[in-house]
Amino acid sequence: MKIRFRIPLLTGLVLLAFLACGRKRPEDQVRAAFERCRAAVEAGDASRAAEPLDPTFRGPEGMDRGTAQLFLMGTLRRQKVGITVLRNEVRVEGPEATQEVDLVLTGKGGGLLPEDASRRTFLLRWRETGGQWKLLELQSPDGR
């Protein structure tokens, strides 16, 4: 009897642990969406980099989703961009999240892009829509 009781209990516990590990926390989902976008920028893939942009996206100086896509296409066509993440803090409140990132941008050949503004801080606002995190807003606190 002891063995019969232990096997279902052990199986149940293993299954529960597996299911718990399979579900990512919302913070991790936001970080993963950001990482996919970062990787796409480094790969020079503007359309993939723009995938997480919500239709209502707003960026610096009133940039909308379409303008952001054009900006990415133009920039990534001219030069290779590298992004090093120095800080990545995410706070989730229900279906919305805020993310603060400090980045170092590098250009082709390893030079800083641009030299006088290589380190940047961005504030991002995300919303979960249909099981995916979409970027609503990207702002630079220093206005750059």
N, C-alpha and C. Protein backbone atom coordinates (compact mmCIF):
# COMPACT_ATOMS: atom_id res chain seq x y z
N MET A 1 0.81 -1.20 0.00
CA MET A 1 0.00 0.00 0.00
C MET A 1 0.86 1.27 0.00
N LYS A 2 1.94 1.26 0.75
CA LYS A 2 2.80 2.43 0.79
C LYS A 2 3.32 2.79 -0.60
N ILE A 3 3.74 1.80 -1.36
CA ILE A 3 4.31 2.05 -2.69
C ILE A 3 3.24 2.61 -3.62
N ARG A 4 2.05 2.06 -3.58
CA ARG A 4 0.97 2.55 -4.43
C ARG A 4 0.63 4.00 -4.13
N PHE A 5 0.67 4.38 -2.87
CA PHE A 5 0.36 5.74 -2.49
C PHE A 5 1.47 6.70 -2.92
N ARG A 6 2.71 6.29 -2.80
CA ARG A 6 3.86 7.15 -3.12
C ARG A 6 3.98 7.43 -4.61
N ILE A 7 3.71 6.44 -5.45
CA ILE A 7 3.89 6.64 -6.89
C ILE A 7 2.91 7.68 -7.43
N PRO A 8 1.61 7.60 -7.15
CA PRO A 8 0.72 8.66 -7.64
C PRO A 8 1.06 10.02 -7.04
N LEU A 9 1.41 10.05 -5.77
CA LEU A 9 1.77 11.30 -5.13
C LEU A 9 3.01 11.89 -5.78
N LEU A 10 4.04 11.07 -5.99
CA LEU A 10 5.27 11.52 -6.63
C LEU A 10 5.00 11.98 -8.05
N THR A 11 4.20 11.21 -8.79
CA THR A 11 3.86 11.58 -10.16
C THR A 11 3.12 12.92 -10.18
N GLY A 12 2.18 13.09 -9.27
CA GLY A 12 1.44 14.35 -9.18
C GLY A 12 2.34 15.52 -8.86
N LEU A 13 3.26 15.35 -7.94
CA LEU A 13 4.19 16.43 -7.58
C LEU A 13 5.12 16.79 -8.74
N VAL A 14 5.61 15.76 -9.45
CA VAL A 14 6.47 16.01 -10.61
C VAL A 14 5.69 16.77 -11.69
N LEU A 15 4.46 16.34 -11.94
CA LEU A 15 3.62 17.01 -12.94
C LEU A 15 3.35 18.45 -12.54
N LEU A 16 3.03 18.70 -11.28
CA LEU A 16 2.79 20.05 -10.79
C LEU A 16 4.04 20.91 -10.94
N ALA A 17 5.21 20.39 -10.60
CA ALA A 17 6.46 21.13 -10.75
C ALA A 17 6.73 21.44 -12.22
N PHE A 18 6.46 20.48 -13.10
CA PHE A 18 6.66 20.69 -14.53
C PHE A 18 5.76 21.80 -15.06
N LEU A 19 4.49 21.79 -14.66
CA LEU A 19 3.57 22.82 -15.11
C LEU A 19 3.96 24.19 -14.57
N ALA A 20 4.41 24.24 -13.33
CA ALA A 20 4.83 25.52 -12.74
C ALA A 20 6.05 26.07 -13.46
N CYS A 21 6.97 25.22 -13.85
CA CYS A 21 8.18 25.67 -14.54
C CYS A 21 7.87 26.09 -15.97
N GLY A 22 6.84 25.50 -16.57
CA GLY A 22 6.51 25.79 -17.96
C GLY A 22 5.88 27.16 -18.15
N ARG A 23 5.27 27.69 -17.12
CA ARG A 23 4.63 29.00 -17.21
C ARG A 23 5.62 30.07 -16.81
N LYS A 24 5.88 30.96 -17.73
CA LYS A 24 6.80 32.06 -17.42
C LYS A 24 6.06 33.15 -16.67
N ARG A 25 6.77 33.77 -15.78
CA ARG A 25 6.21 34.93 -15.07
C ARG A 25 6.03 36.06 -16.07
N PRO A 26 5.07 36.95 -15.86
CA PRO A 26 4.88 38.08 -16.79
C PRO A 26 6.15 38.91 -16.98
N GLU A 27 6.92 39.11 -15.91
CA GLU A 27 8.17 39.86 -16.03
C GLU A 27 9.12 39.20 -17.02
N ASP A 28 9.19 37.87 -16.96
CA ASP A 28 10.06 37.13 -17.88
C ASP A 28 9.53 37.20 -19.31
N GLN A 29 8.21 37.22 -19.47
CA GLN A 29 7.63 37.34 -20.81
C GLN A 29 7.95 38.70 -21.43
N VAL A 30 7.89 39.76 -20.63
CA VAL A 30 8.24 41.10 -21.12
C VAL A 30 9.72 41.13 -21.51
N ARG A 31 10.58 40.60 -20.65
CA ARG A 31 12.01 40.56 -20.97
C ARG A 31 12.28 39.76 -22.24
N ALA A 32 11.55 38.66 -22.43
CA ALA A 32 11.73 37.84 -23.63
C ALA A 32 11.28 38.61 -24.88
N ALA A 33 10.18 39.35 -24.80
CA ALA A 33 9.72 40.16 -25.93
C ALA A 33 10.75 41.23 -26.27
N PHE A 34 11.31 41.87 -25.23
CA PHE A 34 12.34 42.88 -25.44
C PHE A 34 13.58 42.24 -26.08
N GLU A 35 13.96 41.08 -25.60
CA GLU A 35 15.15 40.39 -26.12
C GLU A 35 14.98 40.01 -27.58
N ARG A 36 13.78 39.58 -27.98
CA ARG A 36 13.53 39.25 -29.39
C ARG A 36 13.69 40.50 -30.25
N CYS A 37 13.20 41.61 -29.75
CA CYS A 37 13.32 42.88 -30.48
C CYS A 37 14.79 43.30 -30.57
N ARG A 38 15.53 43.20 -29.47
CA ARG A 38 16.94 43.55 -29.46
C ARG A 38 17.72 42.69 -30.45
N ALA A 39 17.46 41.40 -30.44
CA ALA A 39 18.15 40.48 -31.35
C ALA A 39 17.83 40.81 -32.81
N ALA A 40 16.59 41.18 -33.09
CA ALA A 40 16.20 41.55 -34.45
C ALA A 40 16.93 42.80 -34.92
N VAL A 41 17.06 43.79 -34.02
CA VAL A 41 17.80 45.01 -34.38
C VAL A 41 19.24 44.65 -34.70
N GLU A 42 19.87 43.84 -33.86
CA GLU A 42 21.26 43.45 -34.12
C GLU A 42 21.40 42.65 -35.40
N ALA A 43 20.36 41.89 -35.77
CA ALA A 43 20.39 41.11 -37.01
C ALA A 43 20.05 41.97 -38.22
N GLY A 44 19.65 43.22 -38.00
CA GLY A 44 19.30 44.11 -39.10
C GLY A 44 17.92 43.84 -39.67
N ASP A 45 17.04 43.19 -38.92
CA ASP A 45 15.71 42.81 -39.38
C ASP A 45 14.67 43.79 -38.81
N ALA A 46 14.40 44.86 -39.57
CA ALA A 46 13.50 45.92 -39.10
C ALA A 46 12.07 45.42 -38.91
N SER A 47 11.58 44.57 -39.79
CA SER A 47 10.19 44.13 -39.64
C SER A 47 10.01 43.26 -38.39
N ARG A 48 10.98 42.40 -38.11
CA ARG A 48 10.90 41.58 -36.90
C ARG A 48 11.08 42.45 -35.65
N ALA A 49 11.93 43.46 -35.74
CA ALA A 49 12.13 44.37 -34.60
C ALA A 49 10.87 45.14 -34.27
N ALA A 50 10.04 45.41 -35.28
CA ALA A 50 8.82 46.19 -35.08
C ALA A 50 7.63 45.33 -34.70
N GLU A 51 7.76 44.01 -34.70
CA GLU A 51 6.63 43.12 -34.39
C GLU A 51 5.96 43.42 -33.05
N PRO A 52 6.70 43.72 -31.98
CA PRO A 52 6.00 43.93 -30.71
C PRO A 52 5.31 45.29 -30.58
N LEU A 53 5.43 46.15 -31.58
CA LEU A 53 4.82 47.48 -31.47
C LEU A 53 3.30 47.38 -31.59
N ASP A 54 2.62 47.91 -30.59
CA ASP A 54 1.17 47.96 -30.59
C ASP A 54 0.71 48.95 -31.66
N PRO A 55 -0.47 48.76 -32.25
CA PRO A 55 -0.97 49.74 -33.23
C PRO A 55 -1.05 51.16 -32.68
N THR A 56 -1.20 51.30 -31.36
CA THR A 56 -1.28 52.63 -30.74
C THR A 56 0.08 53.11 -30.24
N PHE A 57 1.16 52.46 -30.63
CA PHE A 57 2.51 52.78 -30.16
C PHE A 57 2.81 54.27 -30.28
N ARG A 58 3.50 54.79 -29.26
CA ARG A 58 4.00 56.18 -29.26
C ARG A 58 5.44 56.16 -28.80
N GLY A 59 6.28 56.86 -29.54
CA GLY A 59 7.70 56.96 -29.21
C GLY A 59 8.12 58.39 -29.02
N PRO A 60 9.43 58.62 -28.98
CA PRO A 60 9.94 59.98 -28.81
C PRO A 60 9.40 60.94 -29.88
N GLU A 61 9.15 62.16 -29.47
CA GLU A 61 8.69 63.22 -30.36
C GLU A 61 7.42 62.85 -31.12
N GLY A 62 6.53 62.07 -30.47
CA GLY A 62 5.26 61.72 -31.09
C GLY A 62 5.33 60.64 -32.16
N MET A 63 6.46 59.93 -32.24
CA MET A 63 6.62 58.88 -33.24
C MET A 63 5.52 57.83 -33.09
N ASP A 64 4.87 57.48 -34.21
CA ASP A 64 3.86 56.41 -34.16
C ASP A 64 4.46 55.12 -34.71
N ARG A 65 3.64 54.09 -34.79
CA ARG A 65 4.13 52.77 -35.21
C ARG A 65 4.72 52.80 -36.61
N GLY A 66 4.03 53.43 -37.55
CA GLY A 66 4.52 53.51 -38.92
C GLY A 66 5.85 54.25 -39.03
N THR A 67 5.95 55.37 -38.32
CA THR A 67 7.20 56.14 -38.33
C THR A 67 8.33 55.35 -37.70
N ALA A 68 8.03 54.61 -36.65
CA ALA A 68 9.04 53.78 -35.99
C ALA A 68 9.55 52.70 -36.94
N GLN A 69 8.64 52.09 -37.71
CA GLN A 69 9.03 51.07 -38.67
C GLN A 69 9.94 51.66 -39.75
N LEU A 70 9.58 52.84 -40.26
CA LEU A 70 10.41 53.50 -41.27
C LEU A 70 11.78 53.87 -40.70
N PHE A 71 11.80 54.35 -39.46
CA PHE A 71 13.06 54.70 -38.82
C PHE A 71 13.96 53.47 -38.70
N LEU A 72 13.39 52.36 -38.25
CA LEU A 72 14.16 51.12 -38.13
C LEU A 72 14.69 50.66 -39.48
N MET A 73 13.84 50.70 -40.50
CA MET A 73 14.27 50.28 -41.84
C MET A 73 15.43 51.14 -42.33
N GLY A 74 15.31 52.45 -42.19
CA GLY A 74 16.36 53.35 -42.65
C GLY A 74 17.65 53.19 -41.89
N THR A 75 17.56 53.10 -40.58
CA THR A 75 18.76 52.97 -39.75
C THR A 75 19.46 51.64 -39.98
N LEU A 76 18.70 50.56 -39.98
CA LEU A 76 19.31 49.24 -40.09
C LEU A 76 19.80 48.94 -41.51
N ARG A 77 19.29 49.67 -42.49
CA ARG A 77 19.78 49.52 -43.86
C ARG A 77 21.17 50.17 -43.99
N ARG A 78 21.38 51.28 -43.28
CA ARG A 78 22.64 52.03 -43.38
C ARG A 78 23.76 51.46 -42.53
N GLN A 79 23.45 50.94 -41.37
CA GLN A 79 24.51 50.50 -40.48
C GLN A 79 24.09 49.36 -39.57
N LYS A 80 25.07 48.59 -39.16
CA LYS A 80 24.87 47.50 -38.21
C LYS A 80 24.90 48.11 -36.81
N VAL A 81 23.94 47.73 -35.99
CA VAL A 81 23.82 48.27 -34.65
C VAL A 81 23.94 47.13 -33.65
N GLY A 82 24.75 47.36 -32.62
CA GLY A 82 24.86 46.41 -31.52
C GLY A 82 24.24 47.02 -30.27
N ILE A 83 23.62 46.21 -29.46
CA ILE A 83 22.97 46.69 -28.23
C ILE A 83 23.44 45.84 -27.06
N THR A 84 24.03 46.51 -26.08
CA THR A 84 24.41 45.84 -24.84
C THR A 84 23.49 46.33 -23.74
N VAL A 85 22.83 45.42 -23.07
CA VAL A 85 21.89 45.78 -22.00
C VAL A 85 22.65 45.82 -20.68
N LEU A 86 22.64 46.99 -20.05
CA LEU A 86 23.31 47.16 -18.76
C LEU A 86 22.35 46.97 -17.59
N ARG A 87 21.11 47.37 -17.80
CA ARG A 87 20.08 47.25 -16.75
C ARG A 87 18.76 46.97 -17.43
N ASN A 88 17.96 46.08 -16.83
CA ASN A 88 16.67 45.72 -17.39
C ASN A 88 15.72 45.42 -16.24
N GLU A 89 14.97 46.43 -15.81
CA GLU A 89 14.05 46.28 -14.69
C GLU A 89 12.61 46.30 -15.20
N VAL A 90 11.83 45.33 -14.79
CA VAL A 90 10.45 45.21 -15.23
C VAL A 90 9.53 45.16 -14.02
N ARG A 91 8.44 45.94 -14.08
CA ARG A 91 7.41 45.91 -13.06
C ARG A 91 6.08 45.64 -13.75
N VAL A 92 5.36 44.65 -13.29
CA VAL A 92 4.08 44.28 -13.89
C VAL A 92 2.96 44.57 -12.91
N GLU A 93 1.92 45.22 -13.41
CA GLU A 93 0.70 45.46 -12.63
C GLU A 93 -0.47 45.05 -13.50
N GLY A 94 -0.97 43.84 -13.26
CA GLY A 94 -2.08 43.32 -14.06
C GLY A 94 -1.64 43.12 -15.51
N PRO A 95 -2.41 43.64 -16.47
CA PRO A 95 -2.07 43.44 -17.88
C PRO A 95 -1.08 44.47 -18.43
N GLU A 96 -0.56 45.34 -17.56
CA GLU A 96 0.40 46.35 -18.03
C GLU A 96 1.72 46.21 -17.30
N ALA A 97 2.78 46.62 -17.99
CA ALA A 97 4.12 46.54 -17.41
C ALA A 97 4.92 47.77 -17.80
N THR A 98 5.81 48.16 -16.91
CA THR A 98 6.78 49.20 -17.24
C THR A 98 8.16 48.58 -17.17
N GLN A 99 9.02 49.03 -18.05
CA GLN A 99 10.38 48.50 -18.14
C GLN A 99 11.34 49.67 -18.25
N GLU A 100 12.40 49.62 -17.48
CA GLU A 100 13.47 50.61 -17.57
C GLU A 100 14.72 49.88 -18.00
N VAL A 101 15.35 50.37 -19.08
CA VAL A 101 16.57 49.73 -19.57
C VAL A 101 17.65 50.78 -19.76
N ASP A 102 18.87 50.40 -19.43
CA ASP A 102 20.05 51.17 -19.76
C ASP A 102 20.79 50.37 -20.81
N LEU A 103 21.11 51.02 -21.93
CA LEU A 103 21.73 50.34 -23.05
C LEU A 103 23.00 51.05 -23.49
N VAL A 104 23.91 50.31 -24.08
CA VAL A 104 25.05 50.88 -24.80
C VAL A 104 24.87 50.48 -26.26
N LEU A 105 24.83 51.49 -27.13
CA LEU A 105 24.68 51.25 -28.56
C LEU A 105 26.05 51.29 -29.20
N THR A 106 26.34 50.30 -30.02
CA THR A 106 27.61 50.27 -30.75
C THR A 106 27.33 50.18 -32.23
N GLY A 107 28.22 50.73 -33.02
CA GLY A 107 28.06 50.71 -34.46
C GLY A 107 29.01 49.73 -35.11
N LYS A 108 28.91 49.64 -36.43
CA LYS A 108 29.75 48.75 -37.22
C LYS A 108 31.21 49.00 -36.89
N GLY A 109 31.96 47.93 -36.72
CA GLY A 109 33.38 48.05 -36.39
C GLY A 109 33.62 48.25 -34.91
N GLY A 110 32.58 48.25 -34.09
CA GLY A 110 32.75 48.36 -32.65
C GLY A 110 32.80 49.77 -32.12
N GLY A 111 32.76 50.78 -32.99
CA GLY A 111 32.77 52.17 -32.51
C GLY A 111 31.46 52.51 -31.85
N LEU A 112 31.48 53.51 -31.00
CA LEU A 112 30.26 53.91 -30.31
C LEU A 112 29.35 54.67 -31.26
N LEU A 113 28.06 54.47 -31.13
CA LEU A 113 27.08 55.06 -32.03
C LEU A 113 26.03 55.81 -31.24
N PRO A 114 25.92 57.08 -31.30
CA PRO A 114 26.99 58.01 -31.64
C PRO A 114 27.93 58.17 -30.45
N GLU A 115 29.10 58.67 -30.66
CA GLU A 115 30.11 58.69 -29.60
C GLU A 115 29.67 59.47 -28.37
N ASP A 116 29.00 60.58 -28.56
CA ASP A 116 28.63 61.40 -27.40
C ASP A 116 27.35 60.91 -26.71
N ALA A 117 26.72 59.89 -27.24
CA ALA A 117 25.47 59.41 -26.64
C ALA A 117 25.39 57.89 -26.69
N SER A 118 26.49 57.24 -26.40
CA SER A 118 26.53 55.79 -26.54
C SER A 118 25.70 55.07 -25.48
N ARG A 119 25.57 55.67 -24.32
CA ARG A 119 24.77 55.04 -23.26
C ARG A 119 23.42 55.74 -23.22
N ARG A 120 22.35 54.94 -23.27
CA ARG A 120 21.00 55.49 -23.29
C ARG A 120 20.12 54.79 -22.26
N THR A 121 19.17 55.53 -21.74
CA THR A 121 18.16 54.99 -20.85
C THR A 121 16.81 55.14 -21.53
N PHE A 122 16.01 54.09 -21.47
CA PHE A 122 14.67 54.13 -22.06
C PHE A 122 13.65 53.62 -21.05
N LEU A 123 12.47 54.22 -21.11
CA LEU A 123 11.32 53.77 -20.34
C LEU A 123 10.33 53.19 -21.35
N LEU A 124 9.90 51.97 -21.11
CA LEU A 124 8.98 51.28 -22.00
C LEU A 124 7.72 50.92 -21.25
N ARG A 125 6.59 51.03 -21.93
CA ARG A 125 5.31 50.65 -21.34
C ARG A 125 4.70 49.57 -22.23
N TRP A 126 4.36 48.44 -21.63
CA TRP A 126 3.84 47.27 -22.33
C TRP A 126 2.44 46.95 -21.87
N ARG A 127 1.69 46.24 -22.74
CA ARG A 127 0.36 45.73 -22.37
C ARG A 127 0.22 44.32 -22.93
N GLU A 128 -0.34 43.44 -22.12
CA GLU A 128 -0.60 42.08 -22.59
C GLU A 128 -1.90 42.07 -23.38
N THR A 129 -1.82 41.59 -24.60
CA THR A 129 -2.97 41.52 -25.48
C THR A 129 -2.99 40.16 -26.14
N GLY A 130 -4.02 39.38 -25.88
CA GLY A 130 -4.13 38.07 -26.51
C GLY A 130 -2.97 37.15 -26.20
N GLY A 131 -2.43 37.24 -24.98
CA GLY A 131 -1.33 36.37 -24.57
C GLY A 131 0.04 36.86 -25.02
N GLN A 132 0.10 38.02 -25.69
CA GLN A 132 1.39 38.58 -26.12
C GLN A 132 1.56 39.96 -25.52
N TRP A 133 2.81 40.29 -25.22
CA TRP A 133 3.11 41.62 -24.70
C TRP A 133 3.43 42.53 -25.87
N LYS A 134 2.69 43.66 -25.95
CA LYS A 134 2.85 44.64 -27.01
C LYS A 134 3.39 45.94 -26.42
N LEU A 135 4.30 46.55 -27.15
CA LEU A 135 4.92 47.79 -26.70
C LEU A 135 4.01 48.97 -27.04
N LEU A 136 3.55 49.67 -26.00
CA LEU A 136 2.67 50.82 -26.16
C LEU A 136 3.46 52.11 -26.31
N GLU A 137 4.56 52.21 -25.56
CA GLU A 137 5.28 53.49 -25.50
C GLU A 137 6.74 53.26 -25.21
N LEU A 138 7.58 54.05 -25.86
CA LEU A 138 9.01 54.06 -25.60
C LEU A 138 9.44 55.52 -25.48
N GLN A 139 10.02 55.85 -24.35
CA GLN A 139 10.47 57.22 -24.13
C GLN A 139 11.87 57.24 -23.57
N SER A 140 12.59 58.29 -23.91
CA SER A 140 13.92 58.51 -23.37
C SER A 140 13.82 59.67 -22.39
N PRO A 141 14.08 59.43 -21.11
CA PRO A 141 13.92 60.50 -20.11
C PRO A 141 14.78 61.73 -20.40
N ASP A 142 15.90 61.54 -21.09
CA ASP A 142 16.76 62.69 -21.38
C ASP A 142 16.40 63.37 -22.69
N GLY A 143 15.30 62.90 -23.36
CA GLY A 143 14.82 63.54 -24.57
C GLY A 143 15.58 63.18 -25.83
N ARG A 144 16.54 62.25 -25.77
CA ARG A 144 17.30 61.87 -26.96
C ARG A 144 16.68 60.66 -27.62
